All heavy atoms as atom14 arrays in JSON, in Angstrom:
{
  "sequence": "EKFKEIIPENLIVEIRQNLSELSIKFGNGSRKTVGVLATILSQI",
  "atom14_mask": [
    [1, 1, 1, 1, 1, 1, 1, 1, 1, 0, 0, 0, 0, 0],
    [1, 1, 1, 1, 1, 1, 1, 1, 1, 0, 0, 0, 0, 0],
    [1, 1, 1, 1, 1, 1, 1, 1, 1, 1, 1, 0, 0, 0],
    [1, 1, 1, 1, 1, 1, 1, 1, 1, 0, 0, 0, 0, 0],
    [1, 1, 1, 1, 1, 1, 1, 1, 1, 0, 0, 0, 0, 0],
    [1, 1, 1, 1, 1, 1, 1, 1, 0, 0, 0, 0, 0, 0],
    [1, 1, 1, 1, 1, 1, 1, 1, 0, 0, 0, 0, 0, 0],
    [1, 1, 1, 1, 1, 1, 1, 0, 0, 0, 0, 0, 0, 0],
    [1, 1, 1, 1, 1, 1, 1, 1, 1, 0, 0, 0, 0, 0],
    [1, 1, 1, 1, 1, 1, 1, 1, 0, 0, 0, 0, 0, 0],
    [1, 1, 1, 1, 1, 1, 1, 1, 0, 0, 0, 0, 0, 0],
    [1, 1, 1, 1, 1, 1, 1, 1, 0, 0, 0, 0, 0, 0],
    [1, 1, 1, 1, 1, 1, 1, 0, 0, 0, 0, 0, 0, 0],
    [1, 1, 1, 1, 1, 1, 1, 1, 1, 0, 0, 0, 0, 0],
    [1, 1, 1, 1, 1, 1, 1, 1, 0, 0, 0, 0, 0, 0],
    [1, 1, 1, 1, 1, 1, 1, 1, 1, 1, 1, 0, 0, 0],
    [1, 1, 1, 1, 1, 1, 1, 1, 1, 0, 0, 0, 0, 0],
    [1, 1, 1, 1, 1, 1, 1, 1, 0, 0, 0, 0, 0, 0],
    [1, 1, 1, 1, 1, 1, 1, 1, 0, 0, 0, 0, 0, 0],
    [1, 1, 1, 1, 1, 1, 0, 0, 0, 0, 0, 0, 0, 0],
    [1, 1, 1, 1, 1, 1, 1, 1, 1, 0, 0, 0, 0, 0],
    [1, 1, 1, 1, 1, 1, 1, 1, 0, 0, 0, 0, 0, 0],
    [1, 1, 1, 1, 1, 1, 0, 0, 0, 0, 0, 0, 0, 0],
    [1, 1, 1, 1, 1, 1, 1, 1, 0, 0, 0, 0, 0, 0],
    [1, 1, 1, 1, 1, 1, 1, 1, 1, 0, 0, 0, 0, 0],
    [1, 1, 1, 1, 1, 1, 1, 1, 1, 1, 1, 0, 0, 0],
    [1, 1, 1, 1, 0, 0, 0, 0, 0, 0, 0, 0, 0, 0],
    [1, 1, 1, 1, 1, 1, 1, 1, 0, 0, 0, 0, 0, 0],
    [1, 1, 1, 1, 0, 0, 0, 0, 0, 0, 0, 0, 0, 0],
    [1, 1, 1, 1, 1, 1, 0, 0, 0, 0, 0, 0, 0, 0],
    [1, 1, 1, 1, 1, 1, 1, 1, 1, 1, 1, 0, 0, 0],
    [1, 1, 1, 1, 1, 1, 1, 1, 1, 0, 0, 0, 0, 0],
    [1, 1, 1, 1, 1, 1, 1, 0, 0, 0, 0, 0, 0, 0],
    [1, 1, 1, 1, 1, 1, 1, 0, 0, 0, 0, 0, 0, 0],
    [1, 1, 1, 1, 0, 0, 0, 0, 0, 0, 0, 0, 0, 0],
    [1, 1, 1, 1, 1, 1, 1, 0, 0, 0, 0, 0, 0, 0],
    [1, 1, 1, 1, 1, 1, 1, 1, 0, 0, 0, 0, 0, 0],
    [1, 1, 1, 1, 1, 0, 0, 0, 0, 0, 0, 0, 0, 0],
    [1, 1, 1, 1, 1, 1, 1, 0, 0, 0, 0, 0, 0, 0],
    [1, 1, 1, 1, 1, 1, 1, 1, 0, 0, 0, 0, 0, 0],
    [1, 1, 1, 1, 1, 1, 1, 1, 0, 0, 0, 0, 0, 0],
    [1, 1, 1, 1, 1, 1, 0, 0, 0, 0, 0, 0, 0, 0],
    [1, 1, 1, 1, 1, 1, 1, 1, 1, 0, 0, 0, 0, 0],
    [1, 1, 1, 1, 1, 1, 1, 1, 0, 0, 0, 0, 0, 0]
  ],
  "atom14_positions": [
    [[25.88, 16.21, 16.7], [27.05, 15.8, 17.49], [26.78, 15.85, 18.99], [27.22, 14.98, 19.74], [28.26, 16.68, 17.13], [28.75, 16.48, 15.69], [29.03, 15.02, 15.38], [29.66, 14.34, 16.22], [28.64, 14.56, 14.29], [0.0, 0.0, 0.0], [0.0, 0.0, 0.0], [0.0, 0.0, 0.0], [0.0, 0.0, 0.0], [0.0, 0.0, 0.0]],
    [[26.03, 16.85, 19.43], [25.67, 16.94, 20.85], [24.79, 15.76, 21.26], [24.95, 15.2, 22.35], [24.95, 18.25, 21.13], [25.84, 19.49, 21.05], [25.06, 20.74, 21.41], [25.96, 21.98, 21.34], [25.21, 23.21, 21.69], [0.0, 0.0, 0.0], [0.0, 0.0, 0.0], [0.0, 0.0, 0.0], [0.0, 0.0, 0.0], [0.0, 0.0, 0.0]],
    [[23.89, 15.39, 20.38], [23.01, 14.27, 20.68], [23.8, 12.96, 20.73], [23.53, 12.09, 21.57], [21.89, 14.18, 19.63], [20.73, 15.08, 19.93], [20.89, 16.45, 20.05], [19.47, 14.55, 20.1], [19.83, 17.28, 20.33], [18.39, 15.38, 20.38], [18.57, 16.75, 20.49], [0.0, 0.0, 0.0], [0.0, 0.0, 0.0], [0.0, 0.0, 0.0]],
    [[24.77, 12.82, 19.84], [25.57, 11.59, 19.81], [26.44, 11.46, 21.07], [26.82, 10.35, 21.46], [26.43, 11.57, 18.55], [25.61, 11.32, 17.28], [26.42, 11.54, 16.01], [27.47, 10.49, 15.82], [28.17, 10.63, 14.52], [0.0, 0.0, 0.0], [0.0, 0.0, 0.0], [0.0, 0.0, 0.0], [0.0, 0.0, 0.0], [0.0, 0.0, 0.0]],
    [[26.76, 12.6, 21.68], [27.51, 12.55, 22.94], [26.65, 12.01, 24.08], [27.17, 11.41, 25.03], [28.02, 13.95, 23.29], [29.09, 14.47, 22.35], [29.46, 15.92, 22.66], [28.91, 16.46, 23.66], [30.26, 16.52, 21.92], [0.0, 0.0, 0.0], [0.0, 0.0, 0.0], [0.0, 0.0, 0.0], [0.0, 0.0, 0.0], [0.0, 0.0, 0.0]],
    [[25.34, 12.2, 23.98], [24.42, 11.79, 25.03], [23.9, 10.37, 24.81], [23.77, 9.59, 25.75], [23.24, 12.78, 25.12], [23.74, 14.16, 25.56], [22.15, 12.27, 26.07], [22.67, 15.22, 25.54], [0.0, 0.0, 0.0], [0.0, 0.0, 0.0], [0.0, 0.0, 0.0], [0.0, 0.0, 0.0], [0.0, 0.0, 0.0], [0.0, 0.0, 0.0]],
    [[23.61, 10.05, 23.54], [22.96, 8.77, 23.23], [24.03, 7.69, 22.99], [24.86, 7.83, 22.1], [22.08, 8.9, 21.98], [21.06, 10.04, 22.16], [21.35, 7.59, 21.69], [20.32, 10.4, 20.88], [0.0, 0.0, 0.0], [0.0, 0.0, 0.0], [0.0, 0.0, 0.0], [0.0, 0.0, 0.0], [0.0, 0.0, 0.0], [0.0, 0.0, 0.0]],
    [[24.02, 6.59, 23.74], [24.97, 5.5, 23.51], [24.83, 4.93, 22.1], [23.71, 4.82, 21.58], [24.58, 4.46, 24.57], [23.86, 5.22, 25.62], [23.15, 6.33, 24.9], [0.0, 0.0, 0.0], [0.0, 0.0, 0.0], [0.0, 0.0, 0.0], [0.0, 0.0, 0.0], [0.0, 0.0, 0.0], [0.0, 0.0, 0.0], [0.0, 0.0, 0.0]],
    [[25.93, 4.6, 21.51], [25.92, 4.11, 20.13], [25.08, 2.85, 19.97], [24.44, 2.65, 18.93], [27.36, 3.84, 19.68], [27.48, 3.51, 18.2], [28.92, 3.38, 17.76], [29.82, 3.83, 18.5], [29.16, 2.82, 16.68], [0.0, 0.0, 0.0], [0.0, 0.0, 0.0], [0.0, 0.0, 0.0], [0.0, 0.0, 0.0], [0.0, 0.0, 0.0]],
    [[25.05, 2.01, 21.0], [24.3, 0.76, 20.88], [22.78, 0.95, 20.98], [22.02, 0.0, 20.81], [24.76, -0.26, 21.92], [24.56, 0.22, 23.35], [24.04, 1.3, 23.6], [24.98, -0.6, 24.3], [0.0, 0.0, 0.0], [0.0, 0.0, 0.0], [0.0, 0.0, 0.0], [0.0, 0.0, 0.0], [0.0, 0.0, 0.0], [0.0, 0.0, 0.0]],
    [[22.35, 2.17, 21.25], [20.92, 2.47, 21.25], [20.45, 3.01, 19.9], [19.26, 2.97, 19.59], [20.59, 3.51, 22.33], [20.26, 3.0, 23.74], [19.87, 4.16, 24.64], [19.16, 1.96, 23.72], [0.0, 0.0, 0.0], [0.0, 0.0, 0.0], [0.0, 0.0, 0.0], [0.0, 0.0, 0.0], [0.0, 0.0, 0.0], [0.0, 0.0, 0.0]],
    [[21.4, 3.51, 19.12], [21.05, 4.14, 17.84], [20.88, 3.08, 16.75], [21.77, 2.26, 16.51], [22.12, 5.16, 17.42], [22.2, 6.29, 18.45], [21.79, 5.73, 16.04], [23.3, 7.3, 18.18], [0.0, 0.0, 0.0], [0.0, 0.0, 0.0], [0.0, 0.0, 0.0], [0.0, 0.0, 0.0], [0.0, 0.0, 0.0], [0.0, 0.0, 0.0]],
    [[19.71, 3.09, 16.12], [19.41, 2.14, 15.03], [19.75, 2.75, 13.68], [20.3, 2.1, 12.8], [17.93, 1.72, 15.07], [17.59, 0.81, 13.89], [17.61, 1.03, 16.39], [0.0, 0.0, 0.0], [0.0, 0.0, 0.0], [0.0, 0.0, 0.0], [0.0, 0.0, 0.0], [0.0, 0.0, 0.0], [0.0, 0.0, 0.0], [0.0, 0.0, 0.0]],
    [[19.42, 4.03, 13.52], [19.65, 4.69, 12.23], [19.72, 6.2, 12.42], [19.0, 6.76, 13.24], [18.52, 4.37, 11.24], [18.69, 5.02, 9.87], [17.49, 4.83, 8.96], [16.35, 4.95, 9.47], [17.68, 4.57, 7.77], [0.0, 0.0, 0.0], [0.0, 0.0, 0.0], [0.0, 0.0, 0.0], [0.0, 0.0, 0.0], [0.0, 0.0, 0.0]],
    [[20.62, 6.82, 11.67], [20.69, 8.28, 11.59], [20.5, 8.66, 10.13], [21.22, 8.17, 9.26], [22.03, 8.83, 12.12], [22.16, 8.56, 13.62], [22.14, 10.33, 11.85], [23.5, 8.98, 14.19], [0.0, 0.0, 0.0], [0.0, 0.0, 0.0], [0.0, 0.0, 0.0], [0.0, 0.0, 0.0], [0.0, 0.0, 0.0], [0.0, 0.0, 0.0]],
    [[19.53, 9.53, 9.88], [19.26, 9.95, 8.51], [19.33, 11.47, 8.44], [18.55, 12.17, 9.08], [17.89, 9.46, 8.06], [17.6, 9.67, 6.6], [16.52, 8.75, 6.11], [16.28, 8.92, 4.69], [15.47, 8.15, 3.98], [14.85, 7.15, 4.57], [15.3, 8.36, 2.68], [0.0, 0.0, 0.0], [0.0, 0.0, 0.0], [0.0, 0.0, 0.0]],
    [[20.28, 11.95, 7.66], [20.51, 13.39, 7.57], [19.93, 13.98, 6.29], [19.39, 13.27, 5.44], [22.02, 13.67, 7.64], [22.7, 13.15, 8.89], [24.14, 13.56, 8.99], [24.48, 14.75, 8.99], [25.04, 12.58, 9.09], [0.0, 0.0, 0.0], [0.0, 0.0, 0.0], [0.0, 0.0, 0.0], [0.0, 0.0, 0.0], [0.0, 0.0, 0.0]],
    [[20.05, 15.31, 6.19], [19.64, 16.05, 5.0], [18.15, 15.86, 4.69], [17.76, 15.59, 3.56], [20.49, 15.64, 3.79], [21.96, 15.89, 4.02], [22.35, 16.95, 4.53], [22.81, 14.92, 3.69], [0.0, 0.0, 0.0], [0.0, 0.0, 0.0], [0.0, 0.0, 0.0], [0.0, 0.0, 0.0], [0.0, 0.0, 0.0], [0.0, 0.0, 0.0]],
    [[17.34, 16.04, 5.72], [15.89, 16.0, 5.56], [15.32, 17.41, 5.64], [15.97, 18.33, 6.14], [15.25, 15.14, 6.65], [15.71, 13.69, 6.76], [15.0, 12.99, 7.91], [15.47, 12.94, 5.46], [0.0, 0.0, 0.0], [0.0, 0.0, 0.0], [0.0, 0.0, 0.0], [0.0, 0.0, 0.0], [0.0, 0.0, 0.0], [0.0, 0.0, 0.0]],
    [[14.12, 17.56, 5.15], [13.39, 18.83, 5.25], [12.0, 18.58, 5.78], [11.4, 17.53, 5.52], [13.31, 19.52, 3.88], [14.58, 19.94, 3.44], [0.0, 0.0, 0.0], [0.0, 0.0, 0.0], [0.0, 0.0, 0.0], [0.0, 0.0, 0.0], [0.0, 0.0, 0.0], [0.0, 0.0, 0.0], [0.0, 0.0, 0.0], [0.0, 0.0, 0.0]],
    [[11.5, 19.56, 6.51], [10.16, 19.46, 7.09], [9.21, 20.43, 6.4], [9.55, 21.59, 6.18], [10.21, 19.79, 8.58], [8.84, 19.81, 9.26], [8.89, 20.43, 10.65], [8.94, 21.69, 10.74], [8.89, 19.67, 11.63], [0.0, 0.0, 0.0], [0.0, 0.0, 0.0], [0.0, 0.0, 0.0], [0.0, 0.0, 0.0], [0.0, 0.0, 0.0]],
    [[8.04, 19.93, 6.06], [6.95, 20.79, 5.61], [5.85, 20.66, 6.64], [5.29, 19.58, 6.85], [6.43, 20.36, 4.24], [7.41, 20.58, 3.08], [8.13, 19.29, 2.75], [6.67, 21.12, 1.86], [0.0, 0.0, 0.0], [0.0, 0.0, 0.0], [0.0, 0.0, 0.0], [0.0, 0.0, 0.0], [0.0, 0.0, 0.0], [0.0, 0.0, 0.0]],
    [[5.57, 21.76, 7.3], [4.55, 21.77, 8.34], [3.29, 22.43, 7.8], [3.32, 23.56, 7.32], [5.04, 22.53, 9.58], [4.05, 22.58, 10.57], [0.0, 0.0, 0.0], [0.0, 0.0, 0.0], [0.0, 0.0, 0.0], [0.0, 0.0, 0.0], [0.0, 0.0, 0.0], [0.0, 0.0, 0.0], [0.0, 0.0, 0.0], [0.0, 0.0, 0.0]],
    [[2.2, 21.7, 7.84], [0.91, 22.21, 7.35], [0.01, 22.49, 8.55], [-0.26, 21.59, 9.35], [0.22, 21.19, 6.44], [1.17, 20.7, 5.35], [-1.04, 21.78, 5.82], [0.7, 19.44, 4.65], [0.0, 0.0, 0.0], [0.0, 0.0, 0.0], [0.0, 0.0, 0.0], [0.0, 0.0, 0.0], [0.0, 0.0, 0.0], [0.0, 0.0, 0.0]],
    [[-0.42, 23.72, 8.68], [-1.41, 24.05, 9.7], [-2.75, 24.18, 9.01], [-3.01, 25.13, 8.27], [-1.07, 25.35, 10.43], [-2.02, 25.63, 11.58], [-1.59, 26.8, 12.44], [-2.56, 26.99, 13.61], [-2.19, 28.14, 14.46], [0.0, 0.0, 0.0], [0.0, 0.0, 0.0], [0.0, 0.0, 0.0], [0.0, 0.0, 0.0], [0.0, 0.0, 0.0]],
    [[-3.59, 23.16, 9.22], [-4.86, 23.11, 8.51], [-5.83, 24.17, 8.99], [-5.8, 24.59, 10.15], [-5.5, 21.73, 8.67], [-4.78, 20.63, 7.95], [-4.16, 19.62, 8.64], [-4.72, 20.64, 6.57], [-3.5, 18.6, 7.98], [-4.06, 19.63, 5.89], [-3.44, 18.61, 6.59], [0.0, 0.0, 0.0], [0.0, 0.0, 0.0], [0.0, 0.0, 0.0]],
    [[-6.71, 24.56, 8.08], [-7.73, 25.54, 8.41], [-8.86, 24.92, 9.23], [-8.87, 23.73, 9.53], [0.0, 0.0, 0.0], [0.0, 0.0, 0.0], [0.0, 0.0, 0.0], [0.0, 0.0, 0.0], [0.0, 0.0, 0.0], [0.0, 0.0, 0.0], [0.0, 0.0, 0.0], [0.0, 0.0, 0.0], [0.0, 0.0, 0.0], [0.0, 0.0, 0.0]],
    [[-9.84, 25.75, 9.55], [-10.97, 25.31, 10.36], [-11.72, 24.16, 9.68], [-11.88, 24.15, 8.46], [-11.94, 26.47, 10.59], [-11.33, 27.55, 11.46], [-10.43, 27.29, 12.25], [-11.82, 28.77, 11.31], [0.0, 0.0, 0.0], [0.0, 0.0, 0.0], [0.0, 0.0, 0.0], [0.0, 0.0, 0.0], [0.0, 0.0, 0.0], [0.0, 0.0, 0.0]],
    [[-12.16, 23.22, 10.5], [-12.94, 22.1, 9.98], [-12.12, 20.88, 9.61], [-12.68, 19.88, 9.16], [0.0, 0.0, 0.0], [0.0, 0.0, 0.0], [0.0, 0.0, 0.0], [0.0, 0.0, 0.0], [0.0, 0.0, 0.0], [0.0, 0.0, 0.0], [0.0, 0.0, 0.0], [0.0, 0.0, 0.0], [0.0, 0.0, 0.0], [0.0, 0.0, 0.0]],
    [[-10.81, 20.94, 9.78], [-9.95, 19.84, 9.36], [-10.22, 18.55, 10.12], [-10.11, 17.45, 9.56], [-8.48, 20.22, 9.52], [-8.17, 20.55, 10.87], [0.0, 0.0, 0.0], [0.0, 0.0, 0.0], [0.0, 0.0, 0.0], [0.0, 0.0, 0.0], [0.0, 0.0, 0.0], [0.0, 0.0, 0.0], [0.0, 0.0, 0.0], [0.0, 0.0, 0.0]],
    [[-10.61, 18.67, 11.38], [-10.87, 17.47, 12.19], [-12.12, 16.73, 11.72], [-12.22, 15.52, 11.9], [-11.02, 17.84, 13.67], [-9.78, 18.43, 14.31], [-10.05, 18.8, 15.76], [-8.94, 19.52, 16.36], [-7.89, 18.94, 16.93], [-7.82, 17.63, 16.96], [-6.92, 19.66, 17.47], [0.0, 0.0, 0.0], [0.0, 0.0, 0.0], [0.0, 0.0, 0.0]],
    [[-13.06, 17.45, 11.15], [-14.34, 16.84, 10.79], [-14.48, 16.56, 9.3], [-15.48, 15.96, 8.88], [-15.48, 17.78, 11.23], [-15.53, 18.03, 12.73], [-16.68, 18.97, 13.08], [-16.74, 19.22, 14.58], [-17.84, 20.14, 14.94], [0.0, 0.0, 0.0], [0.0, 0.0, 0.0], [0.0, 0.0, 0.0], [0.0, 0.0, 0.0], [0.0, 0.0, 0.0]],
    [[-13.51, 16.97, 8.52], [-13.61, 16.82, 7.07], [-12.92, 15.54, 6.61], [-11.73, 15.34, 6.84], [-12.99, 18.03, 6.36], [-13.64, 19.22, 6.8], [-13.16, 17.9, 4.85], [0.0, 0.0, 0.0], [0.0, 0.0, 0.0], [0.0, 0.0, 0.0], [0.0, 0.0, 0.0], [0.0, 0.0, 0.0], [0.0, 0.0, 0.0], [0.0, 0.0, 0.0]],
    [[-13.68, 14.69, 5.96], [-13.15, 13.42, 5.47], [-12.26, 13.65, 4.25], [-12.63, 14.38, 3.34], [-14.3, 12.46, 5.09], [-13.76, 11.18, 4.47], [-15.15, 12.15, 6.31], [0.0, 0.0, 0.0], [0.0, 0.0, 0.0], [0.0, 0.0, 0.0], [0.0, 0.0, 0.0], [0.0, 0.0, 0.0], [0.0, 0.0, 0.0], [0.0, 0.0, 0.0]],
    [[-11.07, 13.04, 4.25], [-10.25, 13.02, 3.05], [-9.2, 14.1, 2.92], [-8.53, 14.17, 1.89], [0.0, 0.0, 0.0], [0.0, 0.0, 0.0], [0.0, 0.0, 0.0], [0.0, 0.0, 0.0], [0.0, 0.0, 0.0], [0.0, 0.0, 0.0], [0.0, 0.0, 0.0], [0.0, 0.0, 0.0], [0.0, 0.0, 0.0], [0.0, 0.0, 0.0]],
    [[-9.03, 14.93, 3.95], [-8.04, 16.01, 3.85], [-6.63, 15.43, 3.73], [-5.88, 15.75, 2.8], [-8.12, 16.96, 5.07], [-7.0, 17.98, 5.02], [-9.46, 17.67, 5.1], [0.0, 0.0, 0.0], [0.0, 0.0, 0.0], [0.0, 0.0, 0.0], [0.0, 0.0, 0.0], [0.0, 0.0, 0.0], [0.0, 0.0, 0.0], [0.0, 0.0, 0.0]],
    [[-6.25, 14.58, 4.66], [-4.91, 13.98, 4.62], [-4.75, 13.1, 3.4], [-3.7, 13.1, 2.75], [-4.66, 13.17, 5.89], [-4.28, 13.93, 7.15], [-4.04, 12.97, 8.3], [-3.04, 14.78, 6.91], [0.0, 0.0, 0.0], [0.0, 0.0, 0.0], [0.0, 0.0, 0.0], [0.0, 0.0, 0.0], [0.0, 0.0, 0.0], [0.0, 0.0, 0.0]],
    [[-5.79, 12.32, 3.08], [-5.71, 11.41, 1.93], [-5.46, 12.19, 0.64], [-4.69, 11.75, -0.23], [-6.99, 10.6, 1.81], [0.0, 0.0, 0.0], [0.0, 0.0, 0.0], [0.0, 0.0, 0.0], [0.0, 0.0, 0.0], [0.0, 0.0, 0.0], [0.0, 0.0, 0.0], [0.0, 0.0, 0.0], [0.0, 0.0, 0.0], [0.0, 0.0, 0.0]],
    [[-6.09, 13.35, 0.52], [-5.91, 14.18, -0.68], [-4.46, 14.63, -0.83], [-3.87, 14.53, -1.9], [-6.84, 15.42, -0.61], [-8.19, 14.98, -0.56], [-6.63, 16.32, -1.82], [0.0, 0.0, 0.0], [0.0, 0.0, 0.0], [0.0, 0.0, 0.0], [0.0, 0.0, 0.0], [0.0, 0.0, 0.0], [0.0, 0.0, 0.0], [0.0, 0.0, 0.0]],
    [[-3.9, 15.11, 0.26], [-2.51, 15.58, 0.23], [-1.53, 14.44, -0.03], [-0.66, 14.52, -0.9], [-2.17, 16.3, 1.55], [-2.87, 17.65, 1.61], [-0.66, 16.49, 1.7], [-2.69, 18.37, 2.91], [0.0, 0.0, 0.0], [0.0, 0.0, 0.0], [0.0, 0.0, 0.0], [0.0, 0.0, 0.0], [0.0, 0.0, 0.0], [0.0, 0.0, 0.0]],
    [[-1.69, 13.36, 0.71], [-0.73, 12.25, 0.6], [-0.81, 11.57, -0.76], [0.21, 11.13, -1.29], [-0.98, 11.24, 1.73], [-0.75, 11.77, 3.15], [-1.06, 10.7, 4.18], [0.68, 12.26, 3.32], [0.0, 0.0, 0.0], [0.0, 0.0, 0.0], [0.0, 0.0, 0.0], [0.0, 0.0, 0.0], [0.0, 0.0, 0.0], [0.0, 0.0, 0.0]],
    [[-2.02, 11.47, -1.32], [-2.15, 10.84, -2.64], [-1.47, 11.68, -3.71], [-0.82, 11.16, -4.62], [-3.62, 10.61, -2.99], [-4.32, 11.83, -3.12], [0.0, 0.0, 0.0], [0.0, 0.0, 0.0], [0.0, 0.0, 0.0], [0.0, 0.0, 0.0], [0.0, 0.0, 0.0], [0.0, 0.0, 0.0], [0.0, 0.0, 0.0], [0.0, 0.0, 0.0]],
    [[-1.57, 13.02, -3.6], [-0.92, 13.88, -4.58], [0.61, 13.81, -4.47], [1.31, 13.84, -5.47], [-1.39, 15.33, -4.39], [-2.81, 15.57, -4.83], [-3.04, 15.23, -6.29], [-2.26, 15.63, -7.16], [-4.07, 14.47, -6.56], [0.0, 0.0, 0.0], [0.0, 0.0, 0.0], [0.0, 0.0, 0.0], [0.0, 0.0, 0.0], [0.0, 0.0, 0.0]],
    [[1.1, 13.69, -3.25], [2.55, 13.53, -3.06], [3.02, 12.22, -3.68], [4.05, 12.17, -4.36], [2.9, 13.59, -1.56], [2.68, 15.01, -1.03], [4.35, 13.16, -1.32], [2.87, 15.15, 0.47], [0.0, 0.0, 0.0], [0.0, 0.0, 0.0], [0.0, 0.0, 0.0], [0.0, 0.0, 0.0], [0.0, 0.0, 0.0], [0.0, 0.0, 0.0]]
  ]
}
């Protein structure tokens, strides 16, 4: 509601509620390891 008071209605394209966040903090080597994200996303 606070955000809607600030943002003009004609700027808003979509509001989607009732979401959840899963934050993954990868271990060492994640930047150099091929397939980490692909493995997770394919299983989902």
